[in-house]
């Protein structure tokens, strides 16, 4: 059956077989997972390269009922869960480490990353297609103009890398932007040596006025009871590493400040 790409779902179906294969081959079993969740398989561009693999147990999560019907008709043996990953309890898929893969709808791609961060104790690897601008932001390091809140919060828990770029003509319909495939692999940080909610507050406050030095950007930030340390005061948020943000958070008052 033919599946129509639906604009309100942000669907752009991948038609380039070589790109599809490269994406699926980017799974490395980091963390020792067998269970793999494919998000938004659509017409099955990635699924066809995943379903026959004996080294993984594949579950597809698809919101579009038309795509679900197509997947069931094409691969009756395929496990497909109709619904939204963002509201899904990942304990429904296995009980060990997990990988997430997909040609992600651009309108929820950042939310998918935050869903992974919430489930970092299980999700040891992600391989996914993003709008290039979002991929650059997630993987940026200190000193980059694209380094920001999502960069820091992702890199607290994951090692990030852009694998390759994908041009618009690789999709039906072609998006108006270039795309990039990134890989996230869980790092060794089990717990940051600071309060996690406070870390988010510090990062958000620092980047809310990213053109200002931290002395000015955080002077009204009450939890920094002794002010911004001298070694950071003249720097801007984009110059600080993940470790620097953790250090700043350690200097804050408690989570209820």
C-alpha atoms as a PDB file:
ATOM      1  CA  UNK A   1       0.000   0.000   0.000  1.00  0.00           C
ATOM      2  CA  UNK A   2       1.105   3.567  -0.630  1.00  0.00           C
ATOM      3  CA  UNK A   3       1.774   5.803   2.361  1.00  0.00           C
ATOM      4  CA  UNK A   4       1.385   9.562   2.024  1.00  0.00           C
ATOM      5  CA  UNK A   5       3.881  11.804   3.820  1.00  0.00           C
ATOM      6  CA  UNK A   6       1.900  13.940   6.262  1.00  0.00           C
ATOM      7  CA  UNK A   7       3.075  17.473   6.872  1.00  0.00           C
ATOM      8  CA  UNK A   8       1.536  17.723  10.340  1.00  0.00           C
ATOM      9  CA  UNK A   9       3.620  14.721  11.429  1.00  0.00           C
ATOM     10  CA  UNK A  10       6.807  16.166   9.940  1.00  0.00           C
ATOM     11  CA  UNK A  11       7.223  13.151   7.654  1.00  0.00           C
ATOM     12  CA  UNK A  12       9.951  13.118   5.016  1.00  0.00           C
ATOM     13  CA  UNK A  13      10.478   9.552   3.823  1.00  0.00           C
ATOM     14  CA  UNK A  14      14.062   8.546   3.119  1.00  0.00           C
ATOM     15  CA  UNK A  15      14.444   7.145  -0.390  1.00  0.00           C
ATOM     16  CA  UNK A  16      18.245   6.824  -0.624  1.00  0.00           C
ATOM     17  CA  UNK A  17      19.091   3.159   0.003  1.00  0.00           C
ATOM     18  CA  UNK A  18      22.788   3.833   0.568  1.00  0.00           C
ATOM     19  CA  UNK A  19      22.048   6.432   3.235  1.00  0.00           C
ATOM     20  CA  UNK A  20      19.545   4.105   4.900  1.00  0.00           C
ATOM     21  CA  UNK A  21      22.121   1.328   5.073  1.00  0.00           C
ATOM     22  CA  UNK A  22      24.797   3.681   6.449  1.00  0.00           C
ATOM     23  CA  UNK A  23      22.444   4.766   9.229  1.00  0.00           C
ATOM     24  CA  UNK A  24      21.667   1.210  10.316  1.00  0.00           C
ATOM     25  CA  UNK A  25      25.320   0.214  10.136  1.00  0.00           C
ATOM     26  CA  UNK A  26      26.167   3.035  12.553  1.00  0.00           C
ATOM     27  CA  UNK A  27      24.769   0.989  15.461  1.00  0.00           C
ATOM     28  CA  UNK A  28      27.797  -0.237  17.431  1.00  0.00           C
ATOM     29  CA  UNK A  29      26.210  -2.203  20.330  1.00  0.00           C
ATOM     30  CA  UNK A  30      27.763   0.301  22.714  1.00  0.00           C
ATOM     31  CA  UNK A  31      26.627  -0.720  26.171  1.00  0.00           C
ATOM     32  CA  UNK A  32      25.842  -4.271  25.098  1.00  0.00           C
ATOM     33  CA  UNK A  33      22.215  -3.805  24.010  1.00  0.00           C
ATOM     34  CA  UNK A  34      20.101  -6.193  21.945  1.00  0.00           C
ATOM     35  CA  UNK A  35      16.858  -4.239  22.049  1.00  0.00           C
ATOM     36  CA  UNK A  36      16.561  -1.524  19.406  1.00  0.00           C
ATOM     37  CA  UNK A  37      13.690   0.940  19.066  1.00  0.00           C
ATOM     38  CA  UNK A  38      13.171   2.428  15.615  1.00  0.00           C
ATOM     39  CA  UNK A  39      11.257   5.699  15.888  1.00  0.00           C
ATOM     40  CA  UNK A  40       8.946   6.714  13.062  1.00  0.00           C
ATOM     41  CA  UNK A  41       9.793   3.978  10.530  1.00  0.00           C
ATOM     42  CA  UNK A  42       7.248   5.338   8.031  1.00  0.00           C
ATOM     43  CA  UNK A  43       7.563   3.253   4.875  1.00  0.00           C
ATOM     44  CA  UNK A  44      10.377   1.129   6.324  1.00  0.00           C
ATOM     45  CA  UNK A  45      13.506   2.597   4.706  1.00  0.00           C
ATOM     46  CA  UNK A  46      15.588   1.691   7.752  1.00  0.00           C
ATOM     47  CA  UNK A  47      13.399  -1.193   8.860  1.00  0.00           C
ATOM     48  CA  UNK A  48      14.258  -3.312   5.819  1.00  0.00           C
ATOM     49  CA  UNK A  49      17.938  -3.200   6.859  1.00  0.00           C
ATOM     50  CA  UNK A  50      17.202  -3.904  10.528  1.00  0.00           C
ATOM     51  CA  UNK A  51      14.553  -6.608  10.510  1.00  0.00           C
ATOM     52  CA  UNK A  52      16.763  -9.405   9.232  1.00  0.00           C
ATOM     53  CA  UNK A  53      19.606  -8.788  11.681  1.00  0.00           C
ATOM     54  CA  UNK A  54      20.154 -11.551  14.204  1.00  0.00           C
ATOM     55  CA  UNK A  55      22.186  -9.361  16.580  1.00  0.00           C
ATOM     56  CA  UNK A  56      19.253  -7.149  17.598  1.00  0.00           C
ATOM     57  CA  UNK A  57      15.616  -7.398  18.724  1.00  0.00           C
ATOM     58  CA  UNK A  58      13.720  -4.713  16.823  1.00  0.00           C
ATOM     59  CA  UNK A  59      10.642  -2.784  17.980  1.00  0.00           C
ATOM     60  CA  UNK A  60       9.160  -0.035  15.814  1.00  0.00           C
ATOM     61  CA  UNK A  61       7.242   2.881  17.330  1.00  0.00           C
ATOM     62  CA  UNK A  62       5.026   4.678  14.805  1.00  0.00           C
ATOM     63  CA  UNK A  63       2.299   7.274  15.393  1.00  0.00           C
ATOM     64  CA  UNK A  64       0.844   7.268  11.855  1.00  0.00           C
ATOM     65  CA  UNK A  65      -1.829   4.566  11.490  1.00  0.00           C
ATOM     66  CA  UNK A  66      -1.346   4.408   7.716  1.00  0.00           C
ATOM     67  CA  UNK A  67       2.346   3.659   8.188  1.00  0.00           C
ATOM     68  CA  UNK A  68       1.535   1.052  10.860  1.00  0.00           C
ATOM     69  CA  UNK A  69      -0.785  -0.736   8.429  1.00  0.00           C
ATOM     70  CA  UNK A  70       1.918  -0.643   5.744  1.00  0.00           C
ATOM     71  CA  UNK A  71       4.537  -2.070   8.102  1.00  0.00           C
ATOM     72  CA  UNK A  72       2.239  -4.881   9.236  1.00  0.00           C
ATOM     73  CA  UNK A  73       1.377  -5.729   5.618  1.00  0.00           C
ATOM     74  CA  UNK A  74       5.033  -5.736   4.533  1.00  0.00           C
ATOM     75  CA  UNK A  75       6.531  -7.550   7.544  1.00  0.00           C
ATOM     76  CA  UNK A  76       3.827  -9.445   9.485  1.00  0.00           C
ATOM     77  CA  UNK A  77       6.437 -10.649  11.956  1.00  0.00           C
ATOM     78  CA  UNK A  78       7.596  -7.108  12.814  1.00  0.00           C
ATOM     79  CA  UNK A  79       6.785  -5.791  16.298  1.00  0.00           C
ATOM     80  CA  UNK A  80       5.116  -2.398  15.803  1.00  0.00           C
ATOM     81  CA  UNK A  81       3.784  -0.247  18.620  1.00  0.00           C
ATOM     82  CA  UNK A  82       1.318   2.383  17.446  1.00  0.00           C
ATOM     83  CA  UNK A  83       1.824   5.547  19.473  1.00  0.00           C
ATOM     84  CA  UNK A  84       4.061   8.446  20.394  1.00  0.00           C
ATOM     85  CA  UNK A  85       7.541   7.676  21.729  1.00  0.00           C
ATOM     86  CA  UNK A  86       7.486  10.885  23.779  1.00  0.00           C
ATOM     87  CA  UNK A  87       4.674   9.571  25.964  1.00  0.00           C
ATOM     88  CA  UNK A  88       5.810   5.973  25.957  1.00  0.00           C
ATOM     89  CA  UNK A  89       7.099   3.985  28.939  1.00  0.00           C
ATOM     90  CA  UNK A  90      10.294   2.439  27.600  1.00  0.00           C
ATOM     91  CA  UNK A  91       9.993  -0.408  30.084  1.00  0.00           C
ATOM     92  CA  UNK A  92       7.539  -1.871  27.562  1.00  0.00           C
ATOM     93  CA  UNK A  93      10.585  -2.759  25.439  1.00  0.00           C
ATOM     94  CA  UNK A  94      12.814  -5.322  27.116  1.00  0.00           C
ATOM     95  CA  UNK A  95      14.507  -4.841  30.465  1.00  0.00           C
ATOM     96  CA  UNK A  96      18.150  -4.295  29.541  1.00  0.00           C
ATOM     97  CA  UNK A  97      20.134  -1.666  27.672  1.00  0.00           C
ATOM     98  CA  UNK A  98      18.488  -0.067  24.649  1.00  0.00           C
ATOM     99  CA  UNK A  99      19.409   1.686  21.418  1.00  0.00           C
ATOM    100  CA  UNK A 100      17.227   4.226  19.610  1.00  0.00           C
ATOM    101  CA  UNK A 101      17.446   4.755  15.865  1.00  0.00           C
ATOM    102  CA  UNK A 102      15.405   6.639  13.312  1.00  0.00           C
ATOM    103  CA  UNK A 103      14.851   9.185  10.607  1.00  0.00           C
ATOM    104  CA  UNK A 104      13.314  11.460  13.213  1.00  0.00           C
ATOM    105  CA  UNK A 105      10.494  13.906  12.459  1.00  0.00           C
ATOM    106  CA  UNK A 106      12.226  17.275  12.684  1.00  0.00           C
ATOM    107  CA  UNK A 107       9.408  18.854  14.682  1.00  0.00           C
ATOM    108  CA  UNK A 108      10.044  16.541  17.657  1.00  0.00           C
ATOM    109  CA  UNK A 109      13.719  15.592  17.201  1.00  0.00           C
ATOM    110  CA  UNK A 110      14.982  17.659  20.153  1.00  0.00           C
ATOM    111  CA  UNK A 111      12.194  16.235  22.318  1.00  0.00           C
ATOM    112  CA  UNK A 112      13.369  12.740  21.355  1.00  0.00           C
ATOM    113  CA  UNK A 113      16.831  13.622  22.635  1.00  0.00           C
ATOM    114  CA  UNK A 114      15.351  14.768  25.945  1.00  0.00           C
ATOM    115  CA  UNK A 115      13.349  11.538  26.128  1.00  0.00           C
ATOM    116  CA  UNK A 116      16.636   9.667  25.737  1.00  0.00           C
ATOM    117  CA  UNK A 117      18.240  11.796  28.459  1.00  0.00           C
ATOM    118  CA  UNK A 118      15.358  10.930  30.798  1.00  0.00           C
ATOM    119  CA  UNK A 119      16.051   7.250  30.090  1.00  0.00           C
ATOM    120  CA  UNK A 120      19.835   7.472  30.134  1.00  0.00           C
ATOM    121  CA  UNK A 121      20.082   4.549  32.555  1.00  0.00           C
ATOM    122  CA  UNK A 122      18.824   2.288  29.744  1.00  0.00           C
ATOM    123  CA  UNK A 123      19.526   4.025  26.427  1.00  0.00           C
ATOM    124  CA  UNK A 124      23.205   3.485  25.717  1.00  0.00           C
ATOM    125  CA  UNK A 125      23.219   4.576  22.071  1.00  0.00           C
ATOM    126  CA  UNK A 126      21.208   6.719  19.662  1.00  0.00           C
ATOM    127  CA  UNK A 127      21.676   6.993  15.899  1.00  0.00           C
ATOM    128  CA  UNK A 128      19.355   9.422  14.209  1.00  0.00           C
ATOM    129  CA  UNK A 129      18.600  11.850  11.412  1.00  0.00           C
ATOM    130  CA  UNK A 130      18.221  15.485  12.433  1.00  0.00           C
ATOM    131  CA  UNK A 131      17.963  18.846  10.755  1.00  0.00           C
ATOM    132  CA  UNK A 132      21.610  19.879  10.313  1.00  0.00           C
ATOM    133  CA  UNK A 133      21.176  22.976  12.440  1.00  0.00           C
ATOM    134  CA  UNK A 134      19.890  20.870  15.353  1.00  0.00           C
ATOM    135  CA  UNK A 135      22.624  18.250  14.883  1.00  0.00           C
ATOM    136  CA  UNK A 136      25.298  20.960  14.928  1.00  0.00           C
ATOM    137  CA  UNK A 137      23.839  22.411  18.112  1.00  0.00           C
ATOM    138  CA  UNK A 138      23.699  19.059  19.901  1.00  0.00           C
ATOM    139  CA  UNK A 139      27.259  18.130  19.000  1.00  0.00           C
ATOM    140  CA  UNK A 140      28.894  21.556  19.345  1.00  0.00           C
ATOM    141  CA  UNK A 141      31.728  22.081  21.797  1.00  0.00           C
ATOM    142  CA  UNK A 142      32.779  25.099  23.858  1.00  0.00           C
ATOM    143  CA  UNK A 143      33.700  28.124  21.764  1.00  0.00           C
ATOM    144  CA  UNK A 144      31.225  27.334  19.003  1.00  0.00           C
ATOM    145  CA  UNK A 145      28.450  29.799  18.168  1.00  0.00           C
ATOM    146  CA  UNK A 146      26.004  26.880  18.117  1.00  0.00           C
ATOM    147  CA  UNK A 147      27.034  25.595  21.564  1.00  0.00           C
ATOM    148  CA  UNK A 148      24.106  26.025  23.913  1.00  0.00           C
ATOM    149  CA  UNK A 149      21.726  24.522  26.468  1.00  0.00           C
ATOM    150  CA  UNK A 150      20.999  21.316  24.542  1.00  0.00           C
ATOM    151  CA  UNK A 151      24.722  20.849  23.814  1.00  0.00           C
ATOM    152  CA  UNK A 152      25.655  20.952  27.494  1.00  0.00           C
ATOM    153  CA  UNK A 153      22.748  18.900  28.834  1.00  0.00           C
ATOM    154  CA  UNK A 154      23.263  16.175  26.220  1.00  0.00           C
ATOM    155  CA  UNK A 155      27.005  16.044  26.749  1.00  0.00           C
ATOM    156  CA  UNK A 156      26.695  15.634  30.500  1.00  0.00           C
ATOM    157  CA  UNK A 157      25.564  12.081  29.741  1.00  0.00           C
ATOM    158  CA  UNK A 158      26.573  11.257  26.149  1.00  0.00           C
ATOM    159  CA  UNK A 159      29.504  11.478  23.748  1.00  0.00           C
ATOM    160  CA  UNK A 160      28.132  13.139  20.614  1.00  0.00           C
ATOM    161  CA  UNK A 161      29.301  13.054  17.006  1.00  0.00           C
ATOM    162  CA  UNK A 162      28.028  14.054  13.587  1.00  0.00           C
ATOM    163  CA  UNK A 163      28.502  11.056  11.270  1.00  0.00           C
ATOM    164  CA  UNK A 164      27.540  12.456   7.858  1.00  0.00           C
ATOM    165  CA  UNK A 165      25.338  14.967   6.052  1.00  0.00           C
ATOM    166  CA  UNK A 166      22.278  14.163   3.945  1.00  0.00           C
ATOM    167  CA  UNK A 167      20.987  16.348   1.104  1.00  0.00           C
ATOM    168  CA  UNK A 168      17.273  17.205   0.644  1.00  0.00           C
ATOM    169  CA  UNK A 169      16.913  15.163  -2.553  1.00  0.00           C
ATOM    170  CA  UNK A 170      17.381  11.983  -0.498  1.00  0.00           C
ATOM    171  CA  UNK A 171      13.805  12.347   0.810  1.00  0.00           C
ATOM    172  CA  UNK A 172      10.202  12.295  -0.399  1.00  0.00           C
ATOM    173  CA  UNK A 173       9.123  15.068  -0.160  1.00  0.00           C
ATOM    174  CA  UNK A 174      12.474  16.873   0.048  1.00  0.00           C
ATOM    175  CA  UNK A 175      12.785  19.082   3.138  1.00  0.00           C
ATOM    176  CA  UNK A 176      13.872  22.696   2.780  1.00  0.00           C
ATOM    177  CA  UNK A 177      16.950  22.108   4.918  1.00  0.00           C
ATOM    178  CA  UNK A 178      20.022  19.874   4.926  1.00  0.00           C
ATOM    179  CA  UNK A 179      20.078  16.981   7.348  1.00  0.00           C
ATOM    180  CA  UNK A 180      22.721  15.217   9.397  1.00  0.00           C
ATOM    181  CA  UNK A 181      22.993  11.834  11.066  1.00  0.00           C
ATOM    182  CA  UNK A 182      24.416  11.887  14.567  1.00  0.00           C
ATOM    183  CA  UNK A 183      25.397   9.255  17.083  1.00  0.00           C
ATOM    184  CA  UNK A 184      25.102   9.563  20.852  1.00  0.00           C
ATOM    185  CA  UNK A 185      26.916   7.050  23.048  1.00  0.00           C
ATOM    186  CA  UNK A 186      26.457   6.907  26.798  1.00  0.00           C
ATOM    187  CA  UNK A 187      29.531   8.097  28.663  1.00  0.00           C
ATOM    188  CA  UNK A 188      30.837   6.813  32.003  1.00  0.00           C
ATOM    189  CA  UNK A 189      29.206   9.510  34.138  1.00  0.00           C
ATOM    190  CA  UNK A 190      26.623   7.688  36.273  1.00  0.00           C
ATOM    191  CA  UNK A 191      25.762  10.715  38.397  1.00  0.00           C
ATOM    192  CA  UNK A 192      27.140  14.249  38.084  1.00  0.00           C
ATOM    193  CA  UNK A 193      28.708  15.411  41.375  1.00  0.00           C
ATOM    194  CA  UNK A 194      26.022  18.089  41.725  1.00  0.00           C
ATOM    195  CA  UNK A 195      22.246  18.515  41.892  1.00  0.00           C
ATOM    196  CA  UNK A 196      20.808  17.736  38.436  1.00  0.00           C
ATOM    197  CA  UNK A 197      17.894  20.184  38.622  1.00  0.00           C
ATOM    198  CA  UNK A 198      20.247  22.937  39.726  1.00  0.00           C
ATOM    199  CA  UNK A 199      22.600  22.105  36.864  1.00  0.00           C
ATOM    200  CA  UNK A 200      19.742  22.686  34.408  1.00  0.00           C
ATOM    201  CA  UNK A 201      18.959  26.020  36.093  1.00  0.00           C
ATOM    202  CA  UNK A 202      22.576  27.158  35.929  1.00  0.00           C
ATOM    203  CA  UNK A 203      22.947  26.234  32.252  1.00  0.00           C
ATOM    204  CA  UNK A 204      19.640  27.855  31.309  1.00  0.00           C
ATOM    205  CA  UNK A 205      20.448  31.056  33.204  1.00  0.00           C
ATOM    206  CA  UNK A 206      23.946  31.312  31.731  1.00  0.00           C
ATOM    207  CA  UNK A 207      22.757  30.942  28.136  1.00  0.00           C
ATOM    208  CA  UNK A 208      19.691  33.174  28.551  1.00  0.00           C
ATOM    209  CA  UNK A 209      22.031  36.134  28.034  1.00  0.00           C
ATOM    210  CA  UNK A 210      24.780  34.433  26.103  1.00  0.00           C
ATOM    211  CA  UNK A 211      26.332  37.664  24.790  1.00  0.00           C
ATOM    212  CA  UNK A 212      27.026  38.876  28.308  1.00  0.00           C
ATOM    213  CA  UNK A 213      29.877  37.791  30.526  1.00  0.00           C
ATOM    214  CA  UNK A 214      28.864  35.382  33.259  1.00  0.00           C
ATOM    215  CA  UNK A 215      29.435  38.135  35.821  1.00  0.00           C
ATOM    216  CA  UNK A 216      26.544  40.044  34.257  1.00  0.00           C
ATOM    217  CA  UNK A 217      24.451  37.090  33.055  1.00  0.00           C
ATOM    218  CA  UNK A 218      24.381  35.438  36.493  1.00  0.00           C
ATOM    219  CA  UNK A 219      24.556  38.406  38.850  1.00  0.00           C
ATOM    220  CA  UNK A 220      20.842  38.036  39.625  1.00  0.00           C
ATOM    221  CA  UNK A 221      21.035  34.232  39.914  1.00  0.00           C
ATOM    222  CA  UNK A 222      20.330  33.776  43.618  1.00  0.00           C
ATOM    223  CA  UNK A 223      21.659  30.205  44.096  1.00  0.00           C
ATOM    224  CA  UNK A 224      25.214  31.427  43.364  1.00  0.00           C
ATOM    225  CA  UNK A 225      25.340  32.827  46.867  1.00  0.00           C
ATOM    226  CA  UNK A 226      28.963  33.977  46.599  1.00  0.00           C
ATOM    227  CA  UNK A 227      28.673  35.221  43.013  1.00  0.00           C
ATOM    228  CA  UNK A 228      30.455  33.968  39.907  1.00  0.00           C
ATOM    229  CA  UNK A 229      34.018  32.793  40.657  1.00  0.00           C
ATOM    230  CA  UNK A 230      36.730  35.068  39.279  1.00  0.00           C
ATOM    231  CA  UNK A 231      37.993  32.441  36.819  1.00  0.00           C
ATOM    232  CA  UNK A 232      34.598  32.415  35.076  1.00  0.00           C
ATOM    233  CA  UNK A 233      33.397  35.985  35.611  1.00  0.00           C
ATOM    234  CA  UNK A 234      34.777  37.428  32.367  1.00  0.00           C
ATOM    235  CA  UNK A 235      33.846  34.432  30.245  1.00  0.00           C
ATOM    236  CA  UNK A 236      30.623  33.873  28.350  1.00  0.00           C
ATOM    237  CA  UNK A 237      28.471  30.774  28.640  1.00  0.00           C
ATOM    238  CA  UNK A 238      29.618  29.413  25.280  1.00  0.00           C
ATOM    239  CA  UNK A 239      33.218  29.268  26.554  1.00  0.00           C
ATOM    240  CA  UNK A 240      32.501  26.901  29.454  1.00  0.00           C
ATOM    241  CA  UNK A 241      32.864  23.137  29.247  1.00  0.00           C
ATOM    242  CA  UNK A 242      30.447  20.634  30.752  1.00  0.00           C
ATOM    243  CA  UNK A 243      32.902  20.254  33.633  1.00  0.00           C
ATOM    244  CA  UNK A 244      32.892  24.017  34.197  1.00  0.00           C
ATOM    245  CA  UNK A 245      29.097  24.063  34.444  1.00  0.00           C
ATOM    246  CA  UNK A 246      29.216  21.213  36.958  1.00  0.00           C
ATOM    247  CA  UNK A 247      31.753  23.203  39.014  1.00  0.00           C
ATOM    248  CA  UNK A 248      29.494  26.283  38.953  1.00  0.00           C
ATOM    249  CA  UNK A 249      26.558  24.148  40.087  1.00  0.00           C
ATOM    250  CA  UNK A 250      28.558  22.758  43.003  1.00  0.00           C
ATOM    251  CA  UNK A 251      28.993  26.338  44.234  1.00  0.00           C
ATOM    252  CA  UNK A 252      25.253  26.933  44.329  1.00  0.00           C
ATOM    253  CA  UNK A 253      22.947  26.772  47.287  1.00  0.00           C
ATOM    254  CA  UNK A 254      20.639  23.771  47.620  1.00  0.00           C
ATOM    255  CA  UNK A 255      17.938  22.783  45.110  1.00  0.00           C
ATOM    256  CA  UNK A 256      15.293  24.825  46.944  1.00  0.00           C
ATOM    257  CA  UNK A 257      17.239  28.085  46.760  1.00  0.00           C
END
